[in-house]
Amino acid sequence: MATVLVTGTNRGIGLEFVGQFLERGDRVLATCRNIENADELNQLRISHSDLQLFELDVSRNESMENLPRQLGGEAIDIFINNAGVYGPRKSEFGNIEARVWSTVLQINAMAPLLLTQLLIDNLRRGKDKKLLYVTSKMGSIDDNRGGGSYIYRSSKAALNSVVKSLAVDLLDEGFSAAVLHPGWVLTDMGGPNALIDVNASVSGMMQVIDNLTKEQSGSFFNYDGNIISW
């Protein structure tokens, strides 16, 4: 039984992570921006004593700083940074605004590192020491054949770079860090034309997490376990 912290769990991939970890008997610490409005999470909490909910808005530093205080000395075995945003759909050349771009970078690339720094004492107490960050294949520079989507692409490329450095810096402490591409998933963000459902995506990513070794730390994984080029 592991203790797993998952961010961005009110719907979609995050909510599915919570459900699947609970189903197999793990203890889950789940965060979302507004617990009161997270109906499905609250239903899970009623039926699962191993689920705890915490409010967290990764766009606000004070909210992130409050999370470690709420957790106290809780040991976290697996950390899954799922919280993220796409930003404006029409982020094409000639249509980019600095204010919007900086907001997406803050949530997708800066907050994951800042939150990891804040939680590091809890993570050091964990036994598995696995750090996973949900990214996107759109953050792969090598895979970019379509152009456009400047804001989202750049935010996920920045996240990938952050996690690569984390993998190097924390390796001697026994941590394994990796980024996960969930596939093109049928969610509010993925849209109706997506190729797989959240169950298949999360099941695949959980296998990657379970099999992650220190030798693989710093890798860019597809949900099916295949390596994606940076």
C-alpha atoms as a PDB file:
ATOM      1  CA  MET A   1       0.000   0.000   0.000  1.00  0.00           C
ATOM      2  CA  ALA A   2       1.441   3.326  -1.122  1.00  0.00           C
ATOM      3  CA  THR A   3       0.493   6.876  -0.244  1.00  0.00           C
ATOM      4  CA  VAL A   4      -0.077   8.787  -3.475  1.00  0.00           C
ATOM      5  CA  LEU A   5      -0.511  12.540  -3.902  1.00  0.00           C
ATOM      6  CA  VAL A   6      -2.300  13.565  -7.094  1.00  0.00           C
ATOM      7  CA  THR A   7      -2.997  17.161  -8.139  1.00  0.00           C
ATOM      8  CA  GLY A   8      -5.823  18.355 -10.390  1.00  0.00           C
ATOM      9  CA  THR A   9      -8.280  15.592  -9.512  1.00  0.00           C
ATOM     10  CA  ASN A  10     -11.741  17.099  -9.902  1.00  0.00           C
ATOM     11  CA  ARG A  11     -12.240  15.519 -13.350  1.00  0.00           C
ATOM     12  CA  GLY A  12     -10.666  13.671 -16.262  1.00  0.00           C
ATOM     13  CA  ILE A  13      -7.249  12.074 -15.877  1.00  0.00           C
ATOM     14  CA  GLY A  14      -6.730  13.228 -12.290  1.00  0.00           C
ATOM     15  CA  LEU A  15     -10.060  11.848 -11.121  1.00  0.00           C
ATOM     16  CA  GLU A  16      -9.331   8.547 -12.873  1.00  0.00           C
ATOM     17  CA  PHE A  17      -5.940   8.305 -11.147  1.00  0.00           C
ATOM     18  CA  VAL A  18      -7.705   8.708  -7.796  1.00  0.00           C
ATOM     19  CA  GLY A  19     -10.254   6.017  -8.595  1.00  0.00           C
ATOM     20  CA  GLN A  20      -7.751   3.471  -9.880  1.00  0.00           C
ATOM     21  CA  PHE A  21      -5.296   3.935  -7.004  1.00  0.00           C
ATOM     22  CA  LEU A  22      -8.131   3.567  -4.489  1.00  0.00           C
ATOM     23  CA  GLU A  23      -9.440   0.496  -6.285  1.00  0.00           C
ATOM     24  CA  ARG A  24      -6.177  -1.322  -5.835  1.00  0.00           C
ATOM     25  CA  GLY A  25      -5.924  -0.398  -2.168  1.00  0.00           C
ATOM     26  CA  ASP A  26      -3.589   2.586  -2.062  1.00  0.00           C
ATOM     27  CA  ARG A  27      -4.027   5.661   0.113  1.00  0.00           C
ATOM     28  CA  VAL A  28      -4.709   8.800  -1.940  1.00  0.00           C
ATOM     29  CA  LEU A  29      -4.196  12.465  -1.128  1.00  0.00           C
ATOM     30  CA  ALA A  30      -6.102  14.334  -3.842  1.00  0.00           C
ATOM     31  CA  THR A  31      -6.061  18.053  -4.564  1.00  0.00           C
ATOM     32  CA  CYS A  32      -8.408  20.292  -6.518  1.00  0.00           C
ATOM     33  CA  ARG A  33      -9.201  23.984  -6.632  1.00  0.00           C
ATOM     34  CA  ASN A  34     -12.669  23.764  -5.087  1.00  0.00           C
ATOM     35  CA  ILE A  35     -13.608  20.707  -3.020  1.00  0.00           C
ATOM     36  CA  GLU A  36     -17.194  21.875  -2.537  1.00  0.00           C
ATOM     37  CA  ASN A  37     -17.861  21.707  -6.294  1.00  0.00           C
ATOM     38  CA  ALA A  38     -15.997  18.410  -6.871  1.00  0.00           C
ATOM     39  CA  ASP A  39     -19.052  16.138  -6.730  1.00  0.00           C
ATOM     40  CA  GLU A  40     -17.412  12.919  -7.959  1.00  0.00           C
ATOM     41  CA  LEU A  41     -14.439  13.335  -5.643  1.00  0.00           C
ATOM     42  CA  ASN A  42     -16.758  13.843  -2.697  1.00  0.00           C
ATOM     43  CA  GLN A  43     -18.675  10.699  -3.612  1.00  0.00           C
ATOM     44  CA  LEU A  44     -15.406   8.772  -3.638  1.00  0.00           C
ATOM     45  CA  ARG A  45     -14.518  10.206  -0.241  1.00  0.00           C
ATOM     46  CA  ILE A  46     -17.792   8.932   1.217  1.00  0.00           C
ATOM     47  CA  SER A  47     -17.083   5.397   0.042  1.00  0.00           C
ATOM     48  CA  HIS A  48     -13.309   5.309   0.609  1.00  0.00           C
ATOM     49  CA  SER A  49     -11.734   6.041   3.979  1.00  0.00           C
ATOM     50  CA  ASP A  50      -8.286   6.037   2.344  1.00  0.00           C
ATOM     51  CA  LEU A  51      -9.052   9.226   0.391  1.00  0.00           C
ATOM     52  CA  GLN A  52      -8.242  12.687   1.733  1.00  0.00           C
ATOM     53  CA  LEU A  53      -9.058  15.876  -0.156  1.00  0.00           C
ATOM     54  CA  PHE A  54      -7.096  19.127  -0.074  1.00  0.00           C
ATOM     55  CA  GLU A  55      -7.824  22.417  -1.797  1.00  0.00           C
ATOM     56  CA  LEU A  56      -4.959  23.566  -4.011  1.00  0.00           C
ATOM     57  CA  ASP A  57      -4.789  26.262  -6.671  1.00  0.00           C
ATOM     58  CA  VAL A  58      -1.408  25.936  -8.388  1.00  0.00           C
ATOM     59  CA  SER A  59      -1.776  29.395  -9.921  1.00  0.00           C
ATOM     60  CA  ARG A  60      -1.476  30.909  -6.416  1.00  0.00           C
ATOM     61  CA  ASN A  61       1.771  30.674  -4.446  1.00  0.00           C
ATOM     62  CA  GLU A  62       0.006  31.059  -1.091  1.00  0.00           C
ATOM     63  CA  SER A  63      -2.211  28.077  -1.889  1.00  0.00           C
ATOM     64  CA  MET A  64       0.811  25.931  -2.746  1.00  0.00           C
ATOM     65  CA  GLU A  65       2.614  27.065   0.391  1.00  0.00           C
ATOM     66  CA  ASN A  66      -0.392  26.043   2.493  1.00  0.00           C
ATOM     67  CA  LEU A  67      -0.447  22.432   1.260  1.00  0.00           C
ATOM     68  CA  PRO A  68       2.652  21.229   3.191  1.00  0.00           C
ATOM     69  CA  ARG A  69       1.191  22.803   6.337  1.00  0.00           C
ATOM     70  CA  GLN A  70      -2.007  20.791   5.849  1.00  0.00           C
ATOM     71  CA  LEU A  71      -0.056  17.592   5.209  1.00  0.00           C
ATOM     72  CA  GLY A  72       2.156  18.014   8.262  1.00  0.00           C
ATOM     73  CA  GLY A  73       4.724  15.224   8.381  1.00  0.00           C
ATOM     74  CA  GLU A  74       2.793  12.925   6.020  1.00  0.00           C
ATOM     75  CA  ALA A  75       5.091  10.674   4.001  1.00  0.00           C
ATOM     76  CA  ILE A  76       4.345  10.670   0.247  1.00  0.00           C
ATOM     77  CA  ASP A  77       5.511   7.641  -1.735  1.00  0.00           C
ATOM     78  CA  ILE A  78       4.351   8.710  -5.200  1.00  0.00           C
ATOM     79  CA  PHE A  79       3.718  12.268  -6.401  1.00  0.00           C
ATOM     80  CA  ILE A  80       1.714  12.787  -9.583  1.00  0.00           C
ATOM     81  CA  ASN A  81       1.593  16.363 -10.830  1.00  0.00           C
ATOM     82  CA  ASN A  82      -1.464  16.291 -13.079  1.00  0.00           C
ATOM     83  CA  ALA A  83      -2.781  19.846 -12.656  1.00  0.00           C
ATOM     84  CA  GLY A  84      -2.407  21.868 -15.848  1.00  0.00           C
ATOM     85  CA  VAL A  85      -4.179  24.014 -18.421  1.00  0.00           C
ATOM     86  CA  TYR A  86      -4.214  24.200 -22.192  1.00  0.00           C
ATOM     87  CA  GLY A  87      -4.659  27.945 -22.487  1.00  0.00           C
ATOM     88  CA  PRO A  88      -6.254  29.620 -25.504  1.00  0.00           C
ATOM     89  CA  ARG A  89      -6.950  27.278 -28.402  1.00  0.00           C
ATOM     90  CA  LYS A  90      -5.977  29.890 -30.971  1.00  0.00           C
ATOM     91  CA  SER A  91      -2.399  30.452 -29.832  1.00  0.00           C
ATOM     92  CA  GLU A  92      -1.064  30.865 -33.347  1.00  0.00           C
ATOM     93  CA  PHE A  93       1.619  33.200 -34.681  1.00  0.00           C
ATOM     94  CA  GLY A  94       0.373  36.793 -34.561  1.00  0.00           C
ATOM     95  CA  ASN A  95      -2.145  35.990 -31.826  1.00  0.00           C
ATOM     96  CA  ILE A  96       0.027  35.542 -28.725  1.00  0.00           C
ATOM     97  CA  GLU A  97      -0.396  37.724 -25.634  1.00  0.00           C
ATOM     98  CA  ALA A  98       2.342  37.832 -23.000  1.00  0.00           C
ATOM     99  CA  ARG A  99      -0.055  37.885 -20.040  1.00  0.00           C
ATOM    100  CA  VAL A 100      -1.889  34.727 -21.112  1.00  0.00           C
ATOM    101  CA  TRP A 101       1.368  32.973 -22.031  1.00  0.00           C
ATOM    102  CA  SER A 102       2.906  33.717 -18.625  1.00  0.00           C
ATOM    103  CA  THR A 103      -0.172  32.350 -16.836  1.00  0.00           C
ATOM    104  CA  VAL A 104       0.029  29.017 -18.676  1.00  0.00           C
ATOM    105  CA  LEU A 105       3.793  28.806 -18.068  1.00  0.00           C
ATOM    106  CA  GLN A 106       3.194  29.467 -14.370  1.00  0.00           C
ATOM    107  CA  ILE A 107       0.675  26.638 -14.036  1.00  0.00           C
ATOM    108  CA  ASN A 108       2.250  24.062 -16.363  1.00  0.00           C
ATOM    109  CA  ALA A 109       5.973  24.547 -15.836  1.00  0.00           C
ATOM    110  CA  MET A 110       6.749  26.698 -12.812  1.00  0.00           C
ATOM    111  CA  ALA A 111       4.181  25.408 -10.312  1.00  0.00           C
ATOM    112  CA  PRO A 112       5.254  21.741 -10.624  1.00  0.00           C
ATOM    113  CA  LEU A 113       8.819  22.595  -9.588  1.00  0.00           C
ATOM    114  CA  LEU A 114       7.758  25.030  -6.864  1.00  0.00           C
ATOM    115  CA  LEU A 115       5.339  22.444  -5.463  1.00  0.00           C
ATOM    116  CA  THR A 116       8.016  19.739  -5.522  1.00  0.00           C
ATOM    117  CA  GLN A 117      10.340  22.046  -3.571  1.00  0.00           C
ATOM    118  CA  LEU A 118       7.608  22.706  -1.012  1.00  0.00           C
ATOM    119  CA  LEU A 119       6.800  19.002  -0.613  1.00  0.00           C
ATOM    120  CA  ILE A 120      10.356  17.685  -0.621  1.00  0.00           C
ATOM    121  CA  ASP A 121      10.403  16.834   3.108  1.00  0.00           C
ATOM    122  CA  ASN A 122       7.218  14.754   2.707  1.00  0.00           C
ATOM    123  CA  LEU A 123       8.649  13.107  -0.399  1.00  0.00           C
ATOM    124  CA  ARG A 124      11.931  12.282   1.340  1.00  0.00           C
ATOM    125  CA  ARG A 125       9.945  10.393   3.982  1.00  0.00           C
ATOM    126  CA  GLY A 126       8.287   8.231   1.323  1.00  0.00           C
ATOM    127  CA  LYS A 127       9.472   4.735   0.468  1.00  0.00           C
ATOM    128  CA  ASP A 128       8.960   4.704  -3.320  1.00  0.00           C
ATOM    129  CA  LYS A 129      10.307   8.206  -4.063  1.00  0.00           C
ATOM    130  CA  LYS A 130       8.637   8.415  -7.476  1.00  0.00           C
ATOM    131  CA  LEU A 131       7.889  11.805  -9.041  1.00  0.00           C
ATOM    132  CA  LEU A 132       5.656  11.856 -12.119  1.00  0.00           C
ATOM    133  CA  TYR A 133       4.560  14.866 -14.135  1.00  0.00           C
ATOM    134  CA  VAL A 134       1.789  14.706 -16.733  1.00  0.00           C
ATOM    135  CA  THR A 135       3.073  16.389 -19.876  1.00  0.00           C
ATOM    136  CA  SER A 136       2.132  16.150 -23.552  1.00  0.00           C
ATOM    137  CA  LYS A 137       3.686  14.895 -26.750  1.00  0.00           C
ATOM    138  CA  MET A 138       3.049  18.453 -27.940  1.00  0.00           C
ATOM    139  CA  GLY A 139       5.977  19.417 -25.712  1.00  0.00           C
ATOM    140  CA  SER A 140       8.321  17.278 -27.801  1.00  0.00           C
ATOM    141  CA  ILE A 141      10.452  19.485 -30.046  1.00  0.00           C
ATOM    142  CA  ASP A 142      11.396  16.527 -32.217  1.00  0.00           C
ATOM    143  CA  ASP A 143       7.741  15.585 -32.766  1.00  0.00           C
ATOM    144  CA  ASN A 144       6.590  19.094 -33.724  1.00  0.00           C
ATOM    145  CA  ARG A 145       5.519  18.838 -37.346  1.00  0.00           C
ATOM    146  CA  GLY A 146       2.410  20.988 -37.160  1.00  0.00           C
ATOM    147  CA  GLY A 147       3.710  24.249 -35.693  1.00  0.00           C
ATOM    148  CA  GLY A 148       1.365  26.617 -33.869  1.00  0.00           C
ATOM    149  CA  SER A 149       0.041  26.029 -30.349  1.00  0.00           C
ATOM    150  CA  TYR A 150       2.926  28.177 -29.095  1.00  0.00           C
ATOM    151  CA  ILE A 151       1.657  28.623 -25.564  1.00  0.00           C
ATOM    152  CA  TYR A 152       0.804  25.014 -24.713  1.00  0.00           C
ATOM    153  CA  ARG A 153       3.770  23.518 -26.574  1.00  0.00           C
ATOM    154  CA  SER A 154       6.275  25.808 -24.899  1.00  0.00           C
ATOM    155  CA  SER A 155       4.805  25.249 -21.425  1.00  0.00           C
ATOM    156  CA  LYS A 156       5.087  21.479 -21.727  1.00  0.00           C
ATOM    157  CA  ALA A 157       8.582  21.673 -23.265  1.00  0.00           C
ATOM    158  CA  ALA A 158       9.570  23.790 -20.255  1.00  0.00           C
ATOM    159  CA  LEU A 159       8.048  21.211 -17.888  1.00  0.00           C
ATOM    160  CA  ASN A 160      10.011  18.449 -19.618  1.00  0.00           C
ATOM    161  CA  SER A 161      13.235  20.368 -19.104  1.00  0.00           C
ATOM    162  CA  VAL A 162      12.396  20.996 -15.438  1.00  0.00           C
ATOM    163  CA  VAL A 163      11.766  17.312 -14.768  1.00  0.00           C
ATOM    164  CA  LYS A 164      14.943  16.258 -16.587  1.00  0.00           C
ATOM    165  CA  SER A 165      16.926  18.464 -14.205  1.00  0.00           C
ATOM    166  CA  LEU A 166      14.976  17.158 -11.211  1.00  0.00           C
ATOM    167  CA  ALA A 167      15.879  13.609 -12.223  1.00  0.00           C
ATOM    168  CA  VAL A 168      19.562  14.537 -12.235  1.00  0.00           C
ATOM    169  CA  ASP A 169      19.527  16.601  -9.047  1.00  0.00           C
ATOM    170  CA  LEU A 170      17.540  14.139  -6.900  1.00  0.00           C
ATOM    171  CA  LEU A 171      19.001  10.873  -8.190  1.00  0.00           C
ATOM    172  CA  ASP A 172      21.513  10.549  -5.353  1.00  0.00           C
ATOM    173  CA  GLU A 173      18.639  10.783  -2.863  1.00  0.00           C
ATOM    174  CA  GLY A 174      16.965   7.772  -4.440  1.00  0.00           C
ATOM    175  CA  PHE A 175      14.285   9.599  -6.404  1.00  0.00           C
ATOM    176  CA  SER A 176      13.029   8.640  -9.845  1.00  0.00           C
ATOM    177  CA  ALA A 177      11.415  11.452 -11.869  1.00  0.00           C
ATOM    178  CA  ALA A 178       9.742  11.193 -15.269  1.00  0.00           C
ATOM    179  CA  VAL A 179       7.218  12.884 -17.536  1.00  0.00           C
ATOM    180  CA  LEU A 180       4.144  11.049 -18.830  1.00  0.00           C
ATOM    181  CA  HIS A 181       2.205  11.677 -22.037  1.00  0.00           C
ATOM    182  CA  PRO A 182      -1.347  10.425 -21.368  1.00  0.00           C
ATOM    183  CA  GLY A 183      -2.198  10.027 -25.039  1.00  0.00           C
ATOM    184  CA  TRP A 184      -4.974  11.900 -26.830  1.00  0.00           C
ATOM    185  CA  VAL A 185      -7.678  11.340 -24.240  1.00  0.00           C
ATOM    186  CA  LEU A 186     -11.437  11.866 -24.278  1.00  0.00           C
ATOM    187  CA  THR A 187     -11.581  14.674 -21.691  1.00  0.00           C
ATOM    188  CA  ASP A 188     -12.672  18.307 -21.650  1.00  0.00           C
ATOM    189  CA  MET A 189      -9.122  19.222 -22.670  1.00  0.00           C
ATOM    190  CA  GLY A 190      -8.689  16.424 -25.214  1.00  0.00           C
ATOM    191  CA  GLY A 191     -11.992  17.054 -26.956  1.00  0.00           C
ATOM    192  CA  PRO A 192     -14.481  14.711 -28.657  1.00  0.00           C
ATOM    193  CA  ASN A 193     -12.128  13.486 -31.400  1.00  0.00           C
ATOM    194  CA  ALA A 194      -9.602  11.944 -28.995  1.00  0.00           C
ATOM    195  CA  LEU A 195      -8.424   8.370 -29.529  1.00  0.00           C
ATOM    196  CA  ILE A 196      -8.555   6.709 -26.074  1.00  0.00           C
ATOM    197  CA  ASP A 197     -10.604   6.966 -22.897  1.00  0.00           C
ATOM    198  CA  VAL A 198      -9.298   7.951 -19.462  1.00  0.00           C
ATOM    199  CA  ASN A 199      -9.414   4.376 -18.196  1.00  0.00           C
ATOM    200  CA  ALA A 200      -6.984   3.123 -20.848  1.00  0.00           C
ATOM    201  CA  SER A 201      -4.731   6.160 -20.438  1.00  0.00           C
ATOM    202  CA  VAL A 202      -4.465   5.995 -16.671  1.00  0.00           C
ATOM    203  CA  SER A 203      -4.164   2.192 -16.584  1.00  0.00           C
ATOM    204  CA  GLY A 204      -1.204   2.472 -18.938  1.00  0.00           C
ATOM    205  CA  MET A 205       0.441   5.282 -16.991  1.00  0.00           C
ATOM    206  CA  MET A 206       0.053   3.383 -13.730  1.00  0.00           C
ATOM    207  CA  GLN A 207       1.934   0.460 -15.262  1.00  0.00           C
ATOM    208  CA  VAL A 208       4.703   2.869 -16.250  1.00  0.00           C
ATOM    209  CA  ILE A 209       4.786   4.235 -12.694  1.00  0.00           C
ATOM    210  CA  ASP A 210       4.872   0.765 -11.148  1.00  0.00           C
ATOM    211  CA  ASN A 211       7.743  -0.302 -13.411  1.00  0.00           C
ATOM    212  CA  LEU A 212       9.737   2.942 -13.204  1.00  0.00           C
ATOM    213  CA  THR A 213      13.338   2.319 -12.163  1.00  0.00           C
ATOM    214  CA  LYS A 214      16.075   4.726 -11.164  1.00  0.00           C
ATOM    215  CA  GLU A 215      17.846   3.860 -14.422  1.00  0.00           C
ATOM    216  CA  GLN A 216      14.823   5.252 -16.304  1.00  0.00           C
ATOM    217  CA  SER A 217      14.701   8.453 -14.281  1.00  0.00           C
ATOM    218  CA  GLY A 218      14.563  11.495 -16.526  1.00  0.00           C
ATOM    219  CA  SER A 219      12.634   9.699 -19.299  1.00  0.00           C
ATOM    220  CA  PHE A 220       9.719  10.941 -21.430  1.00  0.00           C
ATOM    221  CA  PHE A 221       7.132   8.131 -21.494  1.00  0.00           C
ATOM    222  CA  ASN A 222       4.060   7.566 -23.596  1.00  0.00           C
ATOM    223  CA  TYR A 223       1.137   6.116 -21.634  1.00  0.00           C
ATOM    224  CA  ASP A 224       1.864   2.690 -23.149  1.00  0.00           C
ATOM    225  CA  GLY A 225       5.445   2.677 -21.853  1.00  0.00           C
ATOM    226  CA  ASN A 226       7.166   3.642 -25.091  1.00  0.00           C
ATOM    227  CA  ILE A 227       9.803   6.374 -24.980  1.00  0.00           C
ATOM    228  CA  ILE A 228       9.035   9.693 -26.694  1.00  0.00           C
ATOM    229  CA  SER A 229      11.848  11.714 -28.228  1.00  0.00           C
ATOM    230  CA  TRP A 230      12.513  15.088 -26.613  1.00  0.00           C
END
